[in-house]
Amino acid sequence: MPMEGPKCTVCSKTVYRAESTLCFGLSFHTKCFRCSVCQQHIRIEKVQRNKENELFCNVHFKRLQEIAHQKSITVLVSLNPIPSNMETLRNQA
């Protein structure tokens, strides 16, 4: 029985050498090596990934980070109510 190659991180199918892109120590089909948001092919030197190994172009990875940052600020504000003197300062601005 022939030995199968590595599996593509995106589609989970076997990746053969002729169609392989290696990045972050993971195997991808060249056709699967795309931004998860805009589906554009990504150059290997410009690719970003999240904790789930989803791939992103620089533009969409930056937006993803901005959204995560906004959510973390919202959570911090809701966990730590603003003191009344800070509310006063904000109302004066």
PDB file of N, CA and C in Angstrom:
ATOM      1  N   MET A   1       0.851  -1.170   0.000  1.00  0.00           N
ATOM      2  CA  MET A   1       0.000   0.000   0.000  1.00  0.00           C
ATOM      3  C   MET A   1       0.903   1.242   0.000  1.00  0.00           C
ATOM      4  N   PRO A   2       0.666   2.214  -0.920  1.00  0.00           N
ATOM      5  CA  PRO A   2       1.514   3.400  -0.977  1.00  0.00           C
ATOM      6  C   PRO A   2       1.287   4.314   0.230  1.00  0.00           C
ATOM      7  N   MET A   3       2.371   4.968   0.642  1.00  0.00           N
ATOM      8  CA  MET A   3       2.286   5.883   1.769  1.00  0.00           C
ATOM      9  C   MET A   3       1.690   7.207   1.300  1.00  0.00           C
ATOM     10  N   GLU A   4       0.709   7.696   2.025  1.00  0.00           N
ATOM     11  CA  GLU A   4       0.086   8.971   1.662  1.00  0.00           C
ATOM     12  C   GLU A   4       0.939  10.119   2.168  1.00  0.00           C
ATOM     13  N   GLY A   5       0.855  11.254   1.454  1.00  0.00           N
ATOM     14  CA  GLY A   5       1.583  12.449   1.853  1.00  0.00           C
ATOM     15  C   GLY A   5       0.869  13.185   2.972  1.00  0.00           C
ATOM     16  N   PRO A   6       1.390  14.340   3.342  1.00  0.00           N
ATOM     17  CA  PRO A   6       0.758  15.136   4.400  1.00  0.00           C
ATOM     18  C   PRO A   6      -0.607  15.661   3.954  1.00  0.00           C
ATOM     19  N   LYS A   7      -1.417  16.034   4.921  1.00  0.00           N
ATOM     20  CA  LYS A   7      -2.753  16.570   4.642  1.00  0.00           C
ATOM     21  C   LYS A   7      -2.718  18.096   4.612  1.00  0.00           C
ATOM     22  N   CYS A   8      -3.508  18.674   3.735  1.00  0.00           N
ATOM     23  CA  CYS A   8      -3.638  20.130   3.636  1.00  0.00           C
ATOM     24  C   CYS A   8      -4.335  20.654   4.885  1.00  0.00           C
ATOM     25  N   THR A   9      -3.809  21.701   5.452  1.00  0.00           N
ATOM     26  CA  THR A   9      -4.371  22.298   6.662  1.00  0.00           C
ATOM     27  C   THR A   9      -5.752  22.890   6.407  1.00  0.00           C
ATOM     28  N   VAL A  10      -6.023  23.311   5.172  1.00  0.00           N
ATOM     29  CA  VAL A  10      -7.303  23.936   4.839  1.00  0.00           C
ATOM     30  C   VAL A  10      -8.369  22.904   4.486  1.00  0.00           C
ATOM     31  N   CYS A  11      -8.069  22.013   3.534  1.00  0.00           N
ATOM     32  CA  CYS A  11      -9.106  21.095   3.030  1.00  0.00           C
ATOM     33  C   CYS A  11      -8.972  19.662   3.538  1.00  0.00           C
ATOM     34  N   SER A  12      -7.898  19.347   4.232  1.00  0.00           N
ATOM     35  CA  SER A  12      -7.647  18.023   4.825  1.00  0.00           C
ATOM     36  C   SER A  12      -7.412  16.909   3.808  1.00  0.00           C
ATOM     37  N   LYS A  13      -7.211  17.241   2.548  1.00  0.00           N
ATOM     38  CA  LYS A  13      -6.900  16.231   1.537  1.00  0.00           C
ATOM     39  C   LYS A  13      -5.389  16.085   1.424  1.00  0.00           C
ATOM     40  N   THR A  14      -4.948  14.974   0.835  1.00  0.00           N
ATOM     41  CA  THR A  14      -3.523  14.719   0.681  1.00  0.00           C
ATOM     42  C   THR A  14      -2.875  15.769  -0.212  1.00  0.00           C
ATOM     43  N   VAL A  15      -1.706  16.246   0.214  1.00  0.00           N
ATOM     44  CA  VAL A  15      -0.942  17.233  -0.548  1.00  0.00           C
ATOM     45  C   VAL A  15       0.257  16.514  -1.170  1.00  0.00           C
ATOM     46  N   TYR A  16       0.355  16.556  -2.492  1.00  0.00           N
ATOM     47  CA  TYR A  16       1.489  15.975  -3.180  1.00  0.00           C
ATOM     48  C   TYR A  16       2.507  17.065  -3.460  1.00  0.00           C
ATOM     49  N   ARG A  17       3.758  16.676  -3.559  1.00  0.00           N
ATOM     50  CA  ARG A  17       4.866  17.623  -3.669  1.00  0.00           C
ATOM     51  C   ARG A  17       4.655  18.673  -4.767  1.00  0.00           C
ATOM     52  N   ALA A  18       4.148  18.305  -5.907  1.00  0.00           N
ATOM     53  CA  ALA A  18       3.981  19.231  -7.036  1.00  0.00           C
ATOM     54  C   ALA A  18       2.977  20.345  -6.741  1.00  0.00           C
ATOM     55  N   GLU A  19       2.059  20.103  -5.820  1.00  0.00           N
ATOM     56  CA  GLU A  19       1.024  21.095  -5.515  1.00  0.00           C
ATOM     57  C   GLU A  19       1.138  21.622  -4.086  1.00  0.00           C
ATOM     58  N   SER A  20       2.306  21.479  -3.496  1.00  0.00           N
ATOM     59  CA  SER A  20       2.488  21.766  -2.085  1.00  0.00           C
ATOM     60  C   SER A  20       3.085  23.147  -1.811  1.00  0.00           C
ATOM     61  N   THR A  21       2.561  23.799  -0.771  1.00  0.00           N
ATOM     62  CA  THR A  21       3.157  25.007  -0.202  1.00  0.00           C
ATOM     63  C   THR A  21       3.345  24.727   1.281  1.00  0.00           C
ATOM     64  N   LEU A  22       4.553  24.912   1.758  1.00  0.00           N
ATOM     65  CA  LEU A  22       4.852  24.713   3.176  1.00  0.00           C
ATOM     66  C   LEU A  22       5.011  26.067   3.842  1.00  0.00           C
ATOM     67  N   CYS A  23       4.314  26.258   4.952  1.00  0.00           N
ATOM     68  CA  CYS A  23       4.380  27.520   5.678  1.00  0.00           C
ATOM     69  C   CYS A  23       4.002  27.251   7.129  1.00  0.00           C
ATOM     70  N   PHE A  24       4.705  27.885   8.059  1.00  0.00           N
ATOM     71  CA  PHE A  24       4.470  27.694   9.495  1.00  0.00           C
ATOM     72  C   PHE A  24       4.613  26.230   9.899  1.00  0.00           C
ATOM     73  N   GLY A  25       5.378  25.459   9.127  1.00  0.00           N
ATOM     74  CA  GLY A  25       5.546  24.044   9.415  1.00  0.00           C
ATOM     75  C   GLY A  25       4.338  23.209   9.028  1.00  0.00           C
ATOM     76  N   LEU A  26       3.410  23.792   8.280  1.00  0.00           N
ATOM     77  CA  LEU A  26       2.180  23.116   7.862  1.00  0.00           C
ATOM     78  C   LEU A  26       2.158  22.981   6.345  1.00  0.00           C
ATOM     79  N   SER A  27       1.428  21.992   5.853  1.00  0.00           N
ATOM     80  CA  SER A  27       1.288  21.773   4.415  1.00  0.00           C
ATOM     81  C   SER A  27      -0.029  22.332   3.911  1.00  0.00           C
ATOM     82  N   PHE A  28       0.025  22.919   2.716  1.00  0.00           N
ATOM     83  CA  PHE A  28      -1.159  23.470   2.061  1.00  0.00           C
ATOM     84  C   PHE A  28      -1.096  23.129   0.576  1.00  0.00           C
ATOM     85  N   HIS A  29      -2.255  22.915  -0.041  1.00  0.00           N
ATOM     86  CA  HIS A  29      -2.299  22.919  -1.501  1.00  0.00           C
ATOM     87  C   HIS A  29      -2.039  24.355  -1.937  1.00  0.00           C
ATOM     88  N   THR A  30      -1.355  24.530  -3.036  1.00  0.00           N
ATOM     89  CA  THR A  30      -1.108  25.878  -3.541  1.00  0.00           C
ATOM     90  C   THR A  30      -2.436  26.597  -3.762  1.00  0.00           C
ATOM     91  N   LYS A  31      -3.455  25.895  -4.264  1.00  0.00           N
ATOM     92  CA  LYS A  31      -4.762  26.521  -4.507  1.00  0.00           C
ATOM     93  C   LYS A  31      -5.514  26.847  -3.213  1.00  0.00           C
ATOM     94  N   CYS A  32      -5.169  26.203  -2.107  1.00  0.00           N
ATOM     95  CA  CYS A  32      -5.820  26.468  -0.820  1.00  0.00           C
ATOM     96  C   CYS A  32      -5.116  27.583  -0.037  1.00  0.00           C
ATOM     97  N   PHE A  33      -3.951  28.010  -0.498  1.00  0.00           N
ATOM     98  CA  PHE A  33      -3.157  29.002   0.225  1.00  0.00           C
ATOM     99  C   PHE A  33      -3.700  30.387  -0.098  1.00  0.00           C
ATOM    100  N   ARG A  34      -4.845  30.720   0.520  1.00  0.00           N
ATOM    101  CA  ARG A  34      -5.584  31.954   0.254  1.00  0.00           C
ATOM    102  C   ARG A  34      -6.027  32.602   1.557  1.00  0.00           C
ATOM    103  N   CYS A  35      -6.318  33.899   1.474  1.00  0.00           N
ATOM    104  CA  CYS A  35      -6.878  34.618   2.618  1.00  0.00           C
ATOM    105  C   CYS A  35      -8.258  34.040   2.938  1.00  0.00           C
ATOM    106  N   SER A  36      -8.527  33.780   4.191  1.00  0.00           N
ATOM    107  CA  SER A  36      -9.820  33.229   4.619  1.00  0.00           C
ATOM    108  C   SER A  36     -10.974  34.199   4.409  1.00  0.00           C
ATOM    109  N   VAL A  37     -10.675  35.487   4.279  1.00  0.00           N
ATOM    110  CA  VAL A  37     -11.720  36.499   4.121  1.00  0.00           C
ATOM    111  C   VAL A  37     -11.974  36.811   2.650  1.00  0.00           C
ATOM    112  N   CYS A  38     -10.939  37.268   1.941  1.00  0.00           N
ATOM    113  CA  CYS A  38     -11.122  37.743   0.553  1.00  0.00           C
ATOM    114  C   CYS A  38     -10.813  36.680  -0.493  1.00  0.00           C
ATOM    115  N   GLN A  39     -10.294  35.545  -0.084  1.00  0.00           N
ATOM    116  CA  GLN A  39      -9.978  34.422  -0.970  1.00  0.00           C
ATOM    117  C   GLN A  39      -8.887  34.722  -2.005  1.00  0.00           C
ATOM    118  N   GLN A  40      -8.137  35.788  -1.807  1.00  0.00           N
ATOM    119  CA  GLN A  40      -7.026  36.108  -2.703  1.00  0.00           C
ATOM    120  C   GLN A  40      -5.828  35.228  -2.352  1.00  0.00           C
ATOM    121  N   HIS A  41      -5.077  34.832  -3.393  1.00  0.00           N
ATOM    122  CA  HIS A  41      -3.837  34.099  -3.136  1.00  0.00           C
ATOM    123  C   HIS A  41      -2.905  34.987  -2.327  1.00  0.00           C
ATOM    124  N   ILE A  42      -2.146  34.383  -1.447  1.00  0.00           N
ATOM    125  CA  ILE A  42      -1.250  35.137  -0.567  1.00  0.00           C
ATOM    126  C   ILE A  42       0.188  34.724  -0.879  1.00  0.00           C
ATOM    127  N   ARG A  43       1.063  35.699  -0.932  1.00  0.00           N
ATOM    128  CA  ARG A  43       2.485  35.399  -1.062  1.00  0.00           C
ATOM    129  C   ARG A  43       2.974  34.890   0.286  1.00  0.00           C
ATOM    130  N   ILE A  44       3.836  33.909   0.251  1.00  0.00           N
ATOM    131  CA  ILE A  44       4.282  33.253   1.479  1.00  0.00           C
ATOM    132  C   ILE A  44       4.940  34.218   2.454  1.00  0.00           C
ATOM    133  N   GLU A  45       5.604  35.258   1.950  1.00  0.00           N
ATOM    134  CA  GLU A  45       6.251  36.213   2.839  1.00  0.00           C
ATOM    135  C   GLU A  45       5.284  37.248   3.413  1.00  0.00           C
ATOM    136  N   LYS A  46       4.013  37.225   2.975  1.00  0.00           N
ATOM    137  CA  LYS A  46       3.035  38.202   3.463  1.00  0.00           C
ATOM    138  C   LYS A  46       1.854  37.557   4.164  1.00  0.00           C
ATOM    139  N   VAL A  47       1.937  36.284   4.432  1.00  0.00           N
ATOM    140  CA  VAL A  47       0.813  35.572   5.042  1.00  0.00           C
ATOM    141  C   VAL A  47       0.832  35.723   6.558  1.00  0.00           C
ATOM    142  N   GLN A  48      -0.349  35.766   7.148  1.00  0.00           N
ATOM    143  CA  GLN A  48      -0.546  35.789   8.600  1.00  0.00           C
ATOM    144  C   GLN A  48      -1.529  34.663   8.932  1.00  0.00           C
ATOM    145  N   ARG A  49      -1.522  34.227  10.169  1.00  0.00           N
ATOM    146  CA  ARG A  49      -2.488  33.202  10.582  1.00  0.00           C
ATOM    147  C   ARG A  49      -2.963  33.472  11.998  1.00  0.00           C
ATOM    148  N   ASN A  50      -4.127  32.916  12.300  1.00  0.00           N
ATOM    149  CA  ASN A  50      -4.640  33.024  13.665  1.00  0.00           C
ATOM    150  C   ASN A  50      -4.368  31.715  14.411  1.00  0.00           C
ATOM    151  N   LYS A  51      -4.881  31.592  15.614  1.00  0.00           N
ATOM    152  CA  LYS A  51      -4.629  30.405  16.437  1.00  0.00           C
ATOM    153  C   LYS A  51      -5.229  29.139  15.843  1.00  0.00           C
ATOM    154  N   GLU A  52      -6.238  29.294  15.003  1.00  0.00           N
ATOM    155  CA  GLU A  52      -6.889  28.148  14.370  1.00  0.00           C
ATOM    156  C   GLU A  52      -6.233  27.789  13.035  1.00  0.00           C
ATOM    157  N   ASN A  53      -5.087  28.403  12.736  1.00  0.00           N
ATOM    158  CA  ASN A  53      -4.345  28.189  11.487  1.00  0.00           C
ATOM    159  C   ASN A  53      -5.093  28.640  10.247  1.00  0.00           C
ATOM    160  N   GLU A  54      -6.040  29.563  10.412  1.00  0.00           N
ATOM    161  CA  GLU A  54      -6.677  30.177   9.252  1.00  0.00           C
ATOM    162  C   GLU A  54      -5.711  31.213   8.688  1.00  0.00           C
ATOM    163  N   LEU A  55      -5.636  31.302   7.373  1.00  0.00           N
ATOM    164  CA  LEU A  55      -4.705  32.208   6.712  1.00  0.00           C
ATOM    165  C   LEU A  55      -5.363  33.543   6.398  1.00  0.00           C
ATOM    166  N   PHE A  56      -4.567  34.624   6.467  1.00  0.00           N
ATOM    167  CA  PHE A  56      -5.070  35.963   6.188  1.00  0.00           C
ATOM    168  C   PHE A  56      -4.017  36.768   5.442  1.00  0.00           C
ATOM    169  N   CYS A  57      -4.494  37.636   4.548  1.00  0.00           N
ATOM    170  CA  CYS A  57      -3.606  38.635   3.965  1.00  0.00           C
ATOM    171  C   CYS A  57      -3.349  39.684   5.051  1.00  0.00           C
ATOM    172  N   ASN A  58      -2.359  40.528   4.844  1.00  0.00           N
ATOM    173  CA  ASN A  58      -2.018  41.532   5.861  1.00  0.00           C
ATOM    174  C   ASN A  58      -3.185  42.457   6.186  1.00  0.00           C
ATOM    175  N   VAL A  59      -3.947  42.854   5.166  1.00  0.00           N
ATOM    176  CA  VAL A  59      -5.069  43.779   5.367  1.00  0.00           C
ATOM    177  C   VAL A  59      -6.111  43.168   6.301  1.00  0.00           C
ATOM    178  N   HIS A  60      -6.516  41.943   6.027  1.00  0.00           N
ATOM    179  CA  HIS A  60      -7.568  41.334   6.840  1.00  0.00           C
ATOM    180  C   HIS A  60      -7.061  40.876   8.209  1.00  0.00           C
ATOM    181  N   PHE A  61      -5.790  40.522   8.321  1.00  0.00           N
ATOM    182  CA  PHE A  61      -5.249  40.176   9.631  1.00  0.00           C
ATOM    183  C   PHE A  61      -5.217  41.405  10.529  1.00  0.00           C
ATOM    184  N   LYS A  62      -4.861  42.544   9.951  1.00  0.00           N
ATOM    185  CA  LYS A  62      -4.853  43.792  10.728  1.00  0.00           C
ATOM    186  C   LYS A  62      -6.268  44.131  11.201  1.00  0.00           C
ATOM    187  N   ARG A  63      -7.253  43.977  10.325  1.00  0.00           N
ATOM    188  CA  ARG A  63      -8.652  44.226  10.724  1.00  0.00           C
ATOM    189  C   ARG A  63      -9.089  43.270  11.817  1.00  0.00           C
ATOM    190  N   LEU A  64      -8.689  42.012  11.711  1.00  0.00           N
ATOM    191  CA  LEU A  64      -9.026  41.014  12.726  1.00  0.00           C
ATOM    192  C   LEU A  64      -8.449  41.417  14.074  1.00  0.00           C
ATOM    193  N   GLN A  65      -7.214  41.894  14.090  1.00  0.00           N
ATOM    194  CA  GLN A  65      -6.594  42.348  15.334  1.00  0.00           C
ATOM    195  C   GLN A  65      -7.309  43.571  15.896  1.00  0.00           C
ATOM    196  N   GLU A  66      -7.702  44.505  15.028  1.00  0.00           N
ATOM    197  CA  GLU A  66      -8.420  45.700  15.482  1.00  0.00           C
ATOM    198  C   GLU A  66      -9.745  45.326  16.131  1.00  0.00           C
ATOM    199  N   ILE A  67     -10.461  44.397  15.523  1.00  0.00           N
ATOM    200  CA  ILE A  67     -11.745  43.949  16.077  1.00  0.00           C
ATOM    201  C   ILE A  67     -11.528  43.276  17.434  1.00  0.00           C
ATOM    202  N   ALA A  68     -10.517  42.424  17.525  1.00  0.00           N
ATOM    203  CA  ALA A  68     -10.220  41.748  18.793  1.00  0.00           C
ATOM    204  C   ALA A  68      -9.840  42.764  19.864  1.00  0.00           C
ATOM    205  N   HIS A  69      -9.084  43.773  19.483  1.00  0.00           N
ATOM    206  CA  HIS A  69      -8.686  44.820  20.435  1.00  0.00           C
ATOM    207  C   HIS A  69      -9.913  45.599  20.923  1.00  0.00           C
ATOM    208  N   GLN A  70     -10.822  45.947  20.011  1.00  0.00           N
ATOM    209  CA  GLN A  70     -12.037  46.671  20.393  1.00  0.00           C
ATOM    210  C   GLN A  70     -12.886  45.840  21.343  1.00  0.00           C
ATOM    211  N   LYS A  71     -12.989  44.541  21.069  1.00  0.00           N
ATOM    212  CA  LYS A  71     -13.772  43.674  21.947  1.00  0.00           C
ATOM    213  C   LYS A  71     -13.138  43.575  23.320  1.00  0.00           C
ATOM    214  N   SER A  72     -11.809  43.501  23.385  1.00  0.00           N
ATOM    215  CA  SER A  72     -11.146  43.398  24.695  1.00  0.00           C
ATOM    216  C   SER A  72     -11.334  44.685  25.486  1.00  0.00           C
ATOM    217  N   ILE A  73     -11.318  45.823  24.826  1.00  0.00           N
ATOM    218  CA  ILE A  73     -11.555  47.099  25.520  1.00  0.00           C
ATOM    219  C   ILE A  73     -12.982  47.139  26.055  1.00  0.00           C
ATOM    220  N   THR A  74     -13.938  46.689  25.270  1.00  0.00           N
ATOM    221  CA  THR A  74     -15.340  46.662  25.697  1.00  0.00           C
ATOM    222  C   THR A  74     -15.509  45.781  26.930  1.00  0.00           C
ATOM    223  N   VAL A  75     -14.862  44.625  26.929  1.00  0.00           N
ATOM    224  CA  VAL A  75     -14.953  43.714  28.075  1.00  0.00           C
ATOM    225  C   VAL A  75     -14.325  44.361  29.303  1.00  0.00           C
ATOM    226  N   LEU A  76     -13.155  44.983  29.144  1.00  0.00           N
ATOM    227  CA  LEU A  76     -12.497  45.628  30.284  1.00  0.00           C
ATOM    228  C   LEU A  76     -13.344  46.750  30.857  1.00  0.00           C
ATOM    229  N   VAL A  77     -13.963  47.545  30.009  1.00  0.00           N
ATOM    230  CA  VAL A  77     -14.801  48.648  30.479  1.00  0.00           C
ATOM    231  C   VAL A  77     -16.010  48.097  31.228  1.00  0.00           C
ATOM    232  N   SER A  78     -16.612  47.028  30.725  1.00  0.00           N
ATOM    233  CA  SER A  78     -17.790  46.486  31.393  1.00  0.00           C
ATOM    234  C   SER A  78     -17.423  45.807  32.711  1.00  0.00           C
ATOM    235  N   LEU A  79     -16.201  45.267  32.826  1.00  0.00           N
ATOM    236  CA  LEU A  79     -15.774  44.633  34.076  1.00  0.00           C
ATOM    237  C   LEU A  79     -15.310  45.648  35.112  1.00  0.00           C
ATOM    238  N   ASN A  80     -14.805  46.774  34.655  1.00  0.00           N
ATOM    239  CA  ASN A  80     -14.285  47.812  35.543  1.00  0.00           C
ATOM    240  C   ASN A  80     -15.030  49.119  35.279  1.00  0.00           C
ATOM    241  N   PRO A  81     -16.116  49.361  35.968  1.00  0.00           N
ATOM    242  CA  PRO A  81     -16.875  50.592  35.724  1.00  0.00           C
ATOM    243  C   PRO A  81     -16.003  51.835  35.873  1.00  0.00           C
ATOM    244  N   ILE A  82     -16.261  52.809  35.048  1.00  0.00           N
ATOM    245  CA  ILE A  82     -15.499  54.054  35.073  1.00  0.00           C
ATOM    246  C   ILE A  82     -15.898  54.841  36.318  1.00  0.00           C
ATOM    247  N   PRO A  83     -14.907  55.306  37.095  1.00  0.00           N
ATOM    248  CA  PRO A  83     -15.228  56.122  38.271  1.00  0.00           C
ATOM    249  C   PRO A  83     -15.965  57.388  37.861  1.00  0.00           C
ATOM    250  N   SER A  84     -16.762  57.920  38.759  1.00  0.00           N
ATOM    251  CA  SER A  84     -17.590  59.075  38.430  1.00  0.00           C
ATOM    252  C   SER A  84     -16.762  60.290  38.030  1.00  0.00           C
ATOM    253  N   ASN A  85     -15.572  60.485  38.595  1.00  0.00           N
ATOM    254  CA  ASN A  85     -14.765  61.628  38.203  1.00  0.00           C
ATOM    255  C   ASN A  85     -14.284  61.495  36.745  1.00  0.00           C
ATOM    256  N   MET A  86     -14.066  60.269  36.286  1.00  0.00           N
ATOM    257  CA  MET A  86     -13.698  60.084  34.876  1.00  0.00           C
ATOM    258  C   MET A  86     -14.887  60.372  33.971  1.00  0.00           C
ATOM    259  N   GLU A  87     -16.090  60.012  34.412  1.00  0.00           N
ATOM    260  CA  GLU A  87     -17.280  60.320  33.631  1.00  0.00           C
ATOM    261  C   GLU A  87     -17.450  61.816  33.499  1.00  0.00           C
ATOM    262  N   THR A  88     -17.185  62.535  34.571  1.00  0.00           N
ATOM    263  CA  THR A  88     -17.275  63.982  34.541  1.00  0.00           C
ATOM    264  C   THR A  88     -16.285  64.554  33.537  1.00  0.00           C
ATOM    265  N   LEU A  89     -15.057  64.083  33.561  1.00  0.00           N
ATOM    266  CA  LEU A  89     -14.048  64.552  32.627  1.00  0.00           C
ATOM    267  C   LEU A  89     -14.463  64.273  31.185  1.00  0.00           C
ATOM    268  N   ARG A  90     -15.020  63.110  30.937  1.00  0.00           N
ATOM    269  CA  ARG A  90     -15.446  62.765  29.582  1.00  0.00           C
ATOM    270  C   ARG A  90     -16.613  63.636  29.135  1.00  0.00           C
ATOM    271  N   ASN A  91     -17.504  63.957  30.039  1.00  0.00           N
ATOM    272  CA  ASN A  91     -18.658  64.805  29.664  1.00  0.00           C
ATOM    273  C   ASN A  91     -18.230  66.218  29.364  1.00  0.00           C
ATOM    274  N   GLN A  92     -17.156  66.672  29.963  1.00  0.00           N
ATOM    275  CA  GLN A  92     -16.667  68.030  29.715  1.00  0.00           C
ATOM    276  C   GLN A  92     -15.934  68.136  28.383  1.00  0.00           C
ATOM    277  N   ALA A  93     -15.422  67.037  27.878  1.00  0.00           N
ATOM    278  CA  ALA A  93     -14.650  67.084  26.627  1.00  0.00           C
ATOM    279  C   ALA A  93     -15.511  67.328  25.418  1.00  0.00           C
TER     280      ALA A  93
END
